[in-house]
Amino acid sequence: MTKDLKVGCQTFTWEMLGSAFAGGPDDLLRAISQGGYSGIEITDTMIGRYAGKPAAFAAALKDNDLTLVSFAMGSKSGFTVKEEIGADLETTRRWIDFAAEFPGAMVSIGSATVVSEGLRDDKFAIAAEFYNRAGELGKTSGVDVAVHPSSHHNTLLFDRADYDRIFSLLDRDLVGWVPDTGHILRGHADILDTLRTYRDRIRYLHLKDVDASGKWAMLGKGVCDTPAVIDIVAAAPKFNGWLVLEEESDTAAADPAAAVKVNRQTMRSYGA
């Protein structure tokens, strides 16, 4: 396995608990640091009291020996409502400005999702317009922007045909890609072929696992060929070296901090 890989943790493991998680961003930083990670990808939902306060967040990261890998954002519009593009771009600009205070940090924009009436096919052009314009904002501010497709309910970016369609519309110089192994496995017949085909767009990697039925599994307990995935991604020309682990299994729902710690140990067994 390629050396010089860095391992971070995504905060959705706690976010997916909804009201069952009563903590805040400092609890996330502490749990991720104690879990053995060196980086964090935090979401707009979990940033909490640090929203708009990058200096304070930088101090908290330093206290926990963590680096901000990326700031992940979404929208109620699903990025597929033409009338909401302007508002979504204003929100994106704020988070780009936030991320710009952290050297090397990116902005990851969530999967386009169908939330309104109309033909599904028509929504690809709307999503692409938003992503490309967001990429222009990022370029102006010196912050890389990437799309993170998912397999969740009503996603527009589920199977290989969807990936082919959206990538044909995205400017590869403006918008990167955060491949997510779990989401790809749920919608693609051949994850390795998808990664190879679009490897020039990869900026960093989300690692998680699923079983043969597509149910979330702890890393290494499902069907993901993690070493093969990392070998492909590590050779991508714009890969920044970060592997970001994200856990959505029932095990994580029962004890997020313990689950992400186990996943970090699993990554060590792979040599990262």
Protein backbone atom coordinates (compact mmCIF):
# COMPACT_ATOMS: atom_id res chain seq x y z
CA MET A 1 0.00 0.00 0.00
CA THR A 2 1.18 3.51 -0.80
CA LYS A 3 2.85 5.39 2.04
CA ASP A 4 2.27 9.01 3.11
CA LEU A 5 -1.47 8.53 3.47
CA LYS A 6 -3.31 10.62 6.06
CA VAL A 7 -6.42 9.37 7.83
CA GLY A 8 -9.33 11.58 8.82
CA CYS A 9 -12.85 11.04 10.15
CA GLN A 10 -16.20 12.38 8.95
CA THR A 11 -18.69 13.66 11.52
CA PHE A 12 -21.81 12.19 9.88
CA THR A 13 -21.35 9.16 12.12
CA TRP A 14 -22.72 11.37 14.92
CA GLU A 15 -24.99 13.50 12.74
CA MET A 16 -27.01 10.48 11.62
CA LEU A 17 -28.13 9.98 15.24
CA GLY A 18 -30.25 13.13 15.07
CA SER A 19 -31.63 14.19 18.44
CA ALA A 20 -30.05 11.13 20.07
CA PHE A 21 -26.72 12.99 19.90
CA ALA A 22 -26.78 15.71 22.55
CA GLY A 23 -23.16 16.80 22.21
CA GLY A 24 -21.44 19.51 20.22
CA PRO A 25 -18.43 20.06 17.98
CA ASP A 26 -15.94 19.87 20.83
CA ASP A 27 -17.18 16.38 21.66
CA LEU A 28 -16.59 15.40 18.03
CA LEU A 29 -13.07 16.80 17.98
CA ARG A 30 -12.18 15.01 21.19
CA ALA A 31 -13.62 11.65 20.10
CA ILE A 32 -11.95 11.80 16.68
CA SER A 33 -8.59 12.77 18.14
CA GLN A 34 -8.78 10.06 20.79
CA GLY A 35 -9.76 7.61 18.07
CA GLY A 36 -6.33 8.06 16.52
CA TYR A 37 -7.17 10.31 13.57
CA SER A 38 -5.13 13.25 12.33
CA GLY A 39 -7.86 14.98 10.34
CA ILE A 40 -11.55 15.80 10.39
CA GLU A 41 -14.22 16.51 7.82
CA ILE A 42 -17.00 18.40 9.54
CA THR A 43 -20.43 19.30 8.17
CA ASP A 44 -22.48 22.47 8.16
CA THR A 45 -24.89 20.74 10.53
CA MET A 46 -22.23 19.78 13.08
CA ILE A 47 -19.99 22.86 13.10
CA GLY A 48 -22.22 24.36 15.79
CA ARG A 49 -20.85 27.34 17.71
CA TYR A 50 -17.81 27.57 15.44
CA ALA A 51 -19.82 28.64 12.40
CA GLY A 52 -18.45 32.00 11.31
CA LYS A 53 -15.59 31.70 13.82
CA PRO A 54 -12.69 30.11 11.94
CA ALA A 55 -10.04 31.38 14.37
CA ALA A 56 -11.79 29.75 17.31
CA PHE A 57 -12.23 26.53 15.35
CA ALA A 58 -8.56 26.58 14.37
CA ALA A 59 -7.62 26.84 18.03
CA ALA A 60 -9.89 23.91 18.90
CA LEU A 61 -8.36 21.83 16.10
CA LYS A 62 -4.88 22.62 17.37
CA ASP A 63 -5.84 21.61 20.90
CA ASN A 64 -6.87 18.22 19.53
CA ASP A 65 -3.96 17.80 17.08
CA LEU A 66 -6.36 17.72 14.12
CA THR A 67 -6.30 19.17 10.62
CA LEU A 68 -9.41 20.32 8.78
CA VAL A 69 -9.51 18.14 5.68
CA SER A 70 -12.75 19.47 4.27
CA PHE A 71 -15.95 21.27 5.11
CA ALA A 72 -19.00 19.36 3.88
CA MET A 73 -22.25 21.15 3.02
CA GLY A 74 -25.69 20.35 1.74
CA SER A 75 -28.94 22.14 0.93
CA LYS A 76 -32.67 21.60 1.26
CA SER A 77 -32.88 22.36 -2.46
CA GLY A 78 -30.87 19.25 -3.28
CA PHE A 79 -29.00 21.54 -5.70
CA THR A 80 -31.64 20.68 -8.31
CA VAL A 81 -34.03 23.63 -7.99
CA LYS A 82 -33.22 26.34 -10.53
CA GLU A 83 -34.73 29.12 -8.45
CA GLU A 84 -32.52 28.24 -5.47
CA ILE A 85 -29.15 28.34 -7.24
CA GLY A 86 -28.48 31.93 -6.16
CA ALA A 87 -29.23 31.23 -2.51
CA ASP A 88 -27.20 28.00 -2.58
CA LEU A 89 -24.23 29.86 -4.04
CA GLU A 90 -24.39 32.48 -1.30
CA THR A 91 -24.28 29.72 1.30
CA THR A 92 -21.43 28.05 -0.57
CA ARG A 93 -19.50 31.32 -0.64
CA ARG A 94 -19.74 31.61 3.15
CA TRP A 95 -18.37 28.11 3.68
CA ILE A 96 -15.63 28.65 1.09
CA ASP A 97 -14.60 31.77 2.99
CA PHE A 98 -14.56 29.70 6.18
CA ALA A 99 -12.47 26.91 4.63
CA ALA A 100 -10.06 29.44 3.13
CA GLU A 101 -8.76 30.11 6.65
CA PHE A 102 -7.42 26.55 6.83
CA PRO A 103 -4.51 25.77 4.48
CA GLY A 104 -5.35 22.90 2.16
CA ALA A 105 -8.94 22.51 3.36
CA MET A 106 -11.57 21.82 0.73
CA VAL A 107 -15.32 22.28 0.45
CA SER A 108 -17.24 19.09 -0.28
CA ILE A 109 -20.72 19.65 -1.70
CA GLY A 110 -23.31 16.97 -1.15
CA SER A 111 -25.10 14.87 -3.71
CA ALA A 112 -27.67 16.41 -6.01
CA THR A 113 -31.05 15.14 -4.82
CA VAL A 114 -34.53 15.17 -6.31
CA VAL A 115 -36.72 17.27 -4.01
CA SER A 116 -39.16 18.84 -6.49
CA GLU A 117 -41.54 17.91 -9.29
CA GLY A 118 -40.33 17.62 -12.87
CA LEU A 119 -38.38 15.24 -15.06
CA ARG A 120 -35.39 13.62 -13.35
CA ASP A 121 -33.31 14.01 -16.52
CA ASP A 122 -33.79 17.79 -16.48
CA LYS A 123 -32.23 18.10 -13.04
CA PHE A 124 -28.72 17.12 -14.13
CA ALA A 125 -28.22 20.41 -15.96
CA ILE A 126 -29.43 22.39 -12.93
CA ALA A 127 -27.10 20.52 -10.58
CA ALA A 128 -24.18 20.92 -12.98
CA GLU A 129 -24.77 24.66 -13.28
CA PHE A 130 -24.67 24.99 -9.51
CA TYR A 131 -21.58 22.79 -9.06
CA ASN A 132 -19.66 24.60 -11.80
CA ARG A 133 -20.51 28.02 -10.43
CA ALA A 134 -19.54 26.85 -6.94
CA GLY A 135 -16.25 25.69 -8.41
CA GLU A 136 -15.68 29.16 -9.85
CA LEU A 137 -16.20 30.65 -6.39
CA GLY A 138 -13.71 28.21 -4.95
CA LYS A 139 -11.12 28.95 -7.61
CA THR A 140 -11.39 32.68 -6.90
CA SER A 141 -10.76 32.04 -3.19
CA GLY A 142 -8.09 29.38 -3.63
CA VAL A 143 -10.27 26.61 -2.20
CA ASP A 144 -10.82 23.34 -4.07
CA VAL A 145 -14.47 22.35 -4.42
CA ALA A 146 -15.61 18.75 -4.98
CA VAL A 147 -18.89 16.89 -5.38
CA HIS A 148 -19.76 13.99 -3.07
CA PRO A 149 -22.39 11.72 -4.69
CA SER A 150 -24.44 9.50 -2.40
CA SER A 151 -26.85 6.58 -2.57
CA HIS A 152 -29.30 8.00 -0.05
CA HIS A 153 -33.02 8.46 -0.72
CA ASN A 154 -33.88 10.38 -3.92
CA THR A 155 -30.27 10.97 -4.88
CA LEU A 156 -29.70 12.07 -8.46
CA LEU A 157 -26.24 10.49 -8.47
CA PHE A 158 -26.69 6.81 -7.76
CA ASP A 159 -25.49 4.48 -10.51
CA ARG A 160 -22.77 4.57 -13.15
CA ALA A 161 -25.06 6.15 -15.74
CA ASP A 162 -25.74 9.01 -13.30
CA TYR A 163 -22.01 9.51 -12.68
CA ASP A 164 -21.32 9.49 -16.43
CA ARG A 165 -24.05 12.08 -16.96
CA ILE A 166 -23.01 14.53 -14.24
CA PHE A 167 -19.28 14.26 -14.96
CA SER A 168 -19.93 15.01 -18.64
CA LEU A 169 -21.44 18.32 -17.50
CA LEU A 170 -18.87 19.31 -14.88
CA ASP A 171 -15.73 21.33 -15.59
CA ARG A 172 -12.96 19.04 -14.33
CA ASP A 173 -10.75 22.06 -13.63
CA LEU A 174 -13.37 23.61 -11.32
CA VAL A 175 -15.11 20.68 -9.64
CA GLY A 176 -13.37 17.66 -8.17
CA TRP A 177 -14.83 14.40 -6.88
CA VAL A 178 -14.92 12.82 -3.44
CA PRO A 179 -15.61 9.15 -4.19
CA ASP A 180 -17.36 7.30 -1.38
CA THR A 181 -16.78 3.56 -1.46
CA GLY A 182 -19.99 2.64 0.35
CA HIS A 183 -22.22 4.75 -1.87
CA ILE A 184 -20.50 3.57 -5.06
CA LEU A 185 -20.81 -0.08 -4.05
CA ARG A 186 -24.56 0.33 -3.55
CA GLY A 187 -25.13 1.63 -7.06
CA HIS A 188 -22.32 0.40 -9.32
CA ALA A 189 -21.53 -3.02 -10.70
CA ASP A 190 -17.77 -2.33 -10.69
CA ILE A 191 -16.41 0.20 -8.21
CA LEU A 192 -12.83 -0.23 -9.40
CA ASP A 193 -13.76 0.61 -12.98
CA THR A 194 -15.62 3.73 -11.86
CA LEU A 195 -12.62 4.87 -9.84
CA ARG A 196 -10.21 4.22 -12.70
CA THR A 197 -12.43 5.95 -15.26
CA TYR A 198 -12.73 9.16 -13.26
CA ARG A 199 -9.50 9.07 -11.26
CA ASP A 200 -8.34 12.42 -12.67
CA ARG A 201 -11.21 14.07 -10.78
CA ILE A 202 -10.45 12.51 -7.37
CA ARG A 203 -9.37 14.92 -4.63
CA TYR A 204 -9.65 12.71 -1.53
CA LEU A 205 -11.48 9.52 -0.55
CA HIS A 206 -14.40 8.60 1.68
CA LEU A 207 -14.01 5.04 2.95
CA LYS A 208 -16.85 2.95 4.29
CA ASP A 209 -18.19 -0.53 3.73
CA VAL A 210 -21.41 -2.40 2.88
CA ASP A 211 -22.40 -6.04 2.87
CA ALA A 212 -23.55 -7.90 -0.24
CA SER A 213 -27.09 -6.58 0.18
CA GLY A 214 -25.95 -2.95 0.38
CA LYS A 215 -26.42 -2.58 4.13
CA TRP A 216 -23.82 -0.46 5.90
CA ALA A 217 -21.06 -2.50 7.55
CA MET A 218 -18.04 -1.69 9.65
CA LEU A 219 -14.89 -1.13 7.59
CA GLY A 220 -13.39 -4.46 6.59
CA LYS A 221 -16.57 -6.38 7.43
CA GLY A 222 -18.24 -5.91 4.05
CA VAL A 223 -17.47 -6.34 0.37
CA CYS A 224 -15.21 -3.32 -0.19
CA ASP A 225 -11.74 -4.25 -1.44
CA THR A 226 -10.16 -1.41 0.52
CA PRO A 227 -6.50 -2.03 -0.46
CA ALA A 228 -7.41 -2.13 -4.18
CA VAL A 229 -9.44 1.07 -3.85
CA ILE A 230 -6.61 2.89 -2.08
CA ASP A 231 -4.07 1.78 -4.67
CA ILE A 232 -6.17 3.34 -7.45
CA VAL A 233 -6.95 6.52 -5.56
CA ALA A 234 -3.38 7.04 -4.35
CA ALA A 235 -2.23 7.12 -7.99
CA ALA A 236 -4.78 9.78 -8.95
CA PRO A 237 -3.00 12.93 -10.14
CA LYS A 238 -4.89 15.35 -7.87
CA PHE A 239 -5.33 13.12 -4.81
CA ASN A 240 -4.30 15.09 -1.72
CA GLY A 241 -3.40 12.09 0.42
CA TRP A 242 -6.42 12.07 2.73
CA LEU A 243 -8.49 8.97 3.45
CA VAL A 244 -11.60 10.04 5.35
CA LEU A 245 -13.41 7.27 7.20
CA GLU A 246 -17.17 7.57 7.60
CA GLU A 247 -19.27 5.03 9.47
CA GLU A 248 -23.05 4.58 9.17
CA SER A 249 -23.54 1.02 10.41
CA ASP A 250 -25.74 -0.12 13.27
CA THR A 251 -22.56 -0.60 15.31
CA ALA A 252 -21.77 3.09 14.93
CA ALA A 253 -25.31 4.07 15.82
CA ALA A 254 -24.88 2.27 19.13
CA ASP A 255 -21.51 3.85 19.98
CA PRO A 256 -20.04 6.27 17.40
CA ALA A 257 -16.77 6.98 19.22
CA ALA A 258 -16.01 3.29 19.73
CA ALA A 259 -16.90 2.45 16.13
CA VAL A 260 -14.63 5.07 14.56
CA LYS A 261 -11.81 3.98 16.86
CA VAL A 262 -12.18 0.40 15.63
CA ASN A 263 -12.17 1.62 12.02
CA ARG A 264 -8.93 3.48 12.65
CA GLN A 265 -7.39 0.26 13.94
CA THR A 266 -8.64 -1.51 10.81
CA MET A 267 -6.90 1.08 8.65
CA ARG A 268 -3.65 0.44 10.48
CA SER A 269 -3.96 -3.22 9.53
CA TYR A 270 -4.05 -2.03 5.90
CA GLY A 271 -0.88 -0.03 6.46
CA ALA A 272 -2.39 3.46 6.73
